[in-house]
Amino acid sequence: MFVADGKTIPVGRTFTLNGVQYPSNWLRLTSEAEKAAVGITWVPDPEPVDTRYYWDHGVPKRLEDEPAVDENGDPVLDADGEQIINTGLKTQYIAEQKQIAGSLLASTDWYITRQFETAVDVPAEILDYRAAVRSASGAREAEIASVTSVEELKALLTNSPTIYDEATESMVPNPAPFATPWPESLR
């Protein structure tokens, strides 16, 4: 982005700088030297903030649950008189793993219902898949619970289990931490 006097100058719009109005195409038609002569510099856009994990650059969200307190340090209570708990990222992402597991299991729930209602056996591949989903969910929840920083949590949840190795021109296991993969869908 172009900046002058601490303000962003929009490309493709007229702007005024030091009492001089410039046409909308001025930034595109001038050289870097001409821009610098009037005090305009190029500043790279800041990296976007990953709002899943951070409030702003260098400001991570809360990792652990914490009791809510007011500005005096007194507990904040709900309508029933119970202290409100501000949930942390670990609790949020563990709940998300449970929700994902539930949605993965939902497609095969009818086999379980059919077995209960009609005594028709559930195919072994379905039982194996359901066990694998529950196992992956448990592993992912434990992995999330064990992280000690927001950076570790982000790496765990965003790293791929495999990476491309240029030397062998193939996919290899990722040496960086990553969450246990979900099992392959049955379809």
Protein backbone atom coordinates (compact mmCIF):
# COMPACT_ATOMS: atom_id res chain seq x y z
CA MET A 1 0.00 0.00 0.00
CA PHE A 2 1.14 3.54 -0.64
CA VAL A 3 1.58 5.74 2.42
CA ALA A 4 2.27 9.43 3.00
CA ASP A 5 2.23 11.26 6.34
CA GLY A 6 1.13 8.01 8.05
CA LYS A 7 -2.02 7.75 5.91
CA THR A 8 -2.84 5.17 3.26
CA ILE A 9 -3.27 6.56 -0.23
CA PRO A 10 -5.85 4.60 -2.23
CA VAL A 11 -4.82 3.49 -5.70
CA GLY A 12 -7.26 4.52 -8.44
CA ARG A 13 -8.72 7.46 -6.52
CA THR A 14 -7.98 11.13 -6.37
CA PHE A 15 -6.12 12.24 -3.27
CA THR A 16 -4.76 15.40 -1.74
CA LEU A 17 -1.26 15.63 -0.29
CA ASN A 18 0.34 18.78 1.09
CA GLY A 19 -2.45 20.88 -0.43
CA VAL A 20 -2.03 19.41 -3.92
CA GLN A 21 -4.81 17.31 -5.43
CA TYR A 22 -3.61 14.37 -7.55
CA PRO A 23 -5.71 12.57 -10.20
CA SER A 24 -6.88 8.99 -9.73
CA ASN A 25 -4.29 7.57 -12.17
CA TRP A 26 -1.28 9.44 -10.72
CA LEU A 27 0.06 6.55 -8.62
CA ARG A 28 -0.06 4.18 -11.60
CA LEU A 29 1.63 6.57 -14.03
CA THR A 30 4.52 7.83 -11.90
CA SER A 31 7.86 6.31 -11.08
CA GLU A 32 9.00 5.36 -7.60
CA ALA A 33 11.33 8.40 -7.64
CA GLU A 34 8.43 10.77 -8.45
CA LYS A 35 6.37 9.26 -5.65
CA ALA A 36 9.28 9.52 -3.20
CA ALA A 37 9.84 13.18 -4.20
CA VAL A 38 6.39 14.11 -2.86
CA GLY A 39 6.72 11.88 0.23
CA ILE A 40 4.89 8.75 -0.90
CA THR A 41 6.41 5.40 0.04
CA TRP A 42 5.44 1.81 -0.54
CA VAL A 43 4.75 -0.23 2.57
CA PRO A 44 3.93 -3.93 2.16
CA ASP A 45 0.47 -4.88 3.37
CA PRO A 46 0.63 -6.44 6.80
CA GLU A 47 0.13 -10.18 7.02
CA PRO A 48 -3.51 -10.91 7.74
CA VAL A 49 -4.30 -11.93 11.29
CA ASP A 50 -5.54 -15.51 11.70
CA THR A 51 -8.57 -14.61 13.79
CA ARG A 52 -9.14 -18.24 14.71
CA TYR A 53 -6.15 -17.96 17.06
CA TYR A 54 -5.28 -14.27 17.47
CA TRP A 55 -7.11 -11.04 18.28
CA ASP A 56 -4.44 -9.02 16.45
CA HIS A 57 -0.77 -9.33 15.47
CA GLY A 58 1.04 -10.72 18.49
CA VAL A 59 -2.14 -10.87 20.60
CA PRO A 60 -3.16 -14.52 21.00
CA LYS A 61 -6.59 -15.53 22.18
CA ARG A 62 -6.97 -17.24 25.56
CA LEU A 63 -5.75 -20.86 25.45
CA GLU A 64 -7.24 -22.08 28.74
CA ASP A 65 -10.65 -21.52 30.32
CA GLU A 66 -10.70 -18.73 32.90
CA PRO A 67 -13.29 -17.59 35.43
CA ALA A 68 -14.85 -14.29 34.36
CA VAL A 69 -14.16 -11.34 36.66
CA ASP A 70 -15.18 -7.70 36.51
CA GLU A 71 -12.87 -4.67 36.57
CA ASN A 72 -12.59 -5.02 40.39
CA GLY A 73 -11.58 -8.67 40.18
CA ASP A 74 -14.96 -9.84 41.50
CA PRO A 75 -16.55 -12.94 39.94
CA VAL A 76 -19.09 -12.36 37.18
CA LEU A 77 -22.15 -14.50 37.88
CA ASP A 78 -24.88 -15.80 35.61
CA ALA A 79 -28.63 -15.63 36.37
CA ASP A 80 -28.35 -18.73 38.59
CA GLY A 81 -25.52 -17.24 40.66
CA GLU A 82 -22.84 -19.44 39.08
CA GLN A 83 -19.55 -17.90 38.02
CA ILE A 84 -19.28 -17.45 34.27
CA ILE A 85 -16.32 -19.19 32.64
CA ASN A 86 -14.64 -17.61 29.62
CA THR A 87 -13.84 -20.56 27.39
CA GLY A 88 -10.39 -20.88 25.91
CA LEU A 89 -9.28 -22.16 22.55
CA LYS A 90 -8.62 -25.66 23.89
CA THR A 91 -12.23 -26.05 25.02
CA GLN A 92 -13.49 -24.58 21.74
CA TYR A 93 -11.40 -26.89 19.55
CA ILE A 94 -12.08 -30.00 21.64
CA ALA A 95 -15.81 -29.32 21.27
CA GLU A 96 -15.27 -28.90 17.52
CA GLN A 97 -13.60 -32.34 17.32
CA LYS A 98 -16.61 -33.90 19.06
CA GLN A 99 -18.94 -32.16 16.61
CA ILE A 100 -16.90 -33.35 13.61
CA ALA A 101 -16.89 -36.91 14.96
CA GLY A 102 -20.65 -36.75 15.45
CA SER A 103 -21.18 -35.61 11.88
CA LEU A 104 -18.88 -38.34 10.54
CA LEU A 105 -20.74 -40.98 12.56
CA ALA A 106 -24.17 -39.66 11.55
CA SER A 107 -23.98 -41.15 8.06
CA THR A 108 -23.74 -44.66 9.54
CA ASP A 109 -26.09 -44.23 12.51
CA TRP A 110 -28.90 -45.92 10.61
CA TYR A 111 -26.96 -49.21 10.69
CA ILE A 112 -26.99 -49.07 14.50
CA THR A 113 -30.70 -48.22 14.57
CA ARG A 114 -31.47 -51.04 12.14
CA GLN A 115 -29.53 -53.51 14.30
CA PHE A 116 -31.39 -52.40 17.40
CA GLU A 117 -34.81 -52.56 15.75
CA THR A 118 -34.43 -55.62 13.50
CA ALA A 119 -31.37 -57.53 14.80
CA VAL A 120 -29.66 -57.22 11.39
CA ASP A 121 -25.91 -57.20 11.98
CA VAL A 122 -23.91 -54.07 11.26
CA PRO A 123 -21.26 -54.77 8.58
CA ALA A 124 -17.74 -55.09 10.00
CA GLU A 125 -16.42 -52.26 7.79
CA ILE A 126 -19.03 -49.93 9.30
CA LEU A 127 -18.10 -50.93 12.85
CA ASP A 128 -14.39 -50.48 12.00
CA TYR A 129 -15.05 -47.04 10.51
CA ARG A 130 -17.07 -45.93 13.54
CA ALA A 131 -14.33 -47.16 15.88
CA ALA A 132 -11.71 -45.30 13.81
CA VAL A 133 -13.74 -42.06 14.00
CA ARG A 134 -14.07 -42.36 17.78
CA SER A 135 -10.37 -43.19 18.11
CA ALA A 136 -9.30 -40.24 15.92
CA SER A 137 -11.58 -37.92 17.86
CA GLY A 138 -10.13 -39.07 21.19
CA ALA A 139 -6.57 -38.70 19.89
CA ARG A 140 -7.25 -35.22 18.50
CA GLU A 141 -8.88 -34.11 21.75
CA ALA A 142 -5.86 -35.37 23.74
CA GLU A 143 -3.45 -33.65 21.33
CA ILE A 144 -5.31 -30.36 21.72
CA ALA A 145 -5.44 -30.71 25.51
CA SER A 146 -1.67 -31.21 25.63
CA VAL A 147 -0.59 -28.01 23.84
CA THR A 148 0.91 -25.26 25.96
CA SER A 149 0.70 -22.27 23.63
CA VAL A 150 -1.52 -20.80 20.95
CA GLU A 151 1.35 -21.24 18.46
CA GLU A 152 1.48 -24.98 19.23
CA LEU A 153 -2.30 -25.26 18.86
CA LYS A 154 -2.27 -23.49 15.51
CA ALA A 155 0.57 -25.68 14.22
CA LEU A 156 -1.19 -28.84 15.42
CA LEU A 157 -4.45 -27.96 13.69
CA THR A 158 -3.07 -26.44 10.49
CA ASN A 159 -0.09 -28.67 9.63
CA SER A 160 -0.68 -31.44 7.13
CA PRO A 161 0.27 -35.02 8.02
CA THR A 162 2.35 -35.21 4.84
CA ILE A 163 4.55 -32.75 2.99
CA TYR A 164 6.17 -32.76 -0.45
CA ASP A 165 9.84 -33.74 -0.43
CA GLU A 166 11.60 -32.19 -3.42
CA ALA A 167 14.57 -34.56 -3.13
CA THR A 168 12.43 -37.68 -3.59
CA GLU A 169 9.62 -35.89 -5.47
CA SER A 170 7.09 -37.60 -3.23
CA MET A 171 4.87 -37.01 -0.23
CA VAL A 172 6.54 -37.91 3.07
CA PRO A 173 5.43 -37.80 6.70
CA ASN A 174 5.54 -34.29 8.13
CA PRO A 175 8.13 -34.02 10.93
CA ALA A 176 6.24 -31.05 12.38
CA PRO A 177 3.34 -31.67 14.79
CA PHE A 178 -0.05 -32.32 13.21
CA ALA A 179 -3.38 -33.61 14.45
CA THR A 180 -4.30 -37.25 13.99
CA PRO A 181 -6.05 -37.49 10.62
CA TRP A 182 -9.72 -38.39 10.41
CA PRO A 183 -10.38 -41.79 8.79
CA GLU A 184 -11.20 -41.95 5.10
CA SER A 185 -14.89 -41.74 4.31
CA LEU A 186 -16.63 -44.99 3.42
CA ARG A 187 -17.88 -43.60 0.13
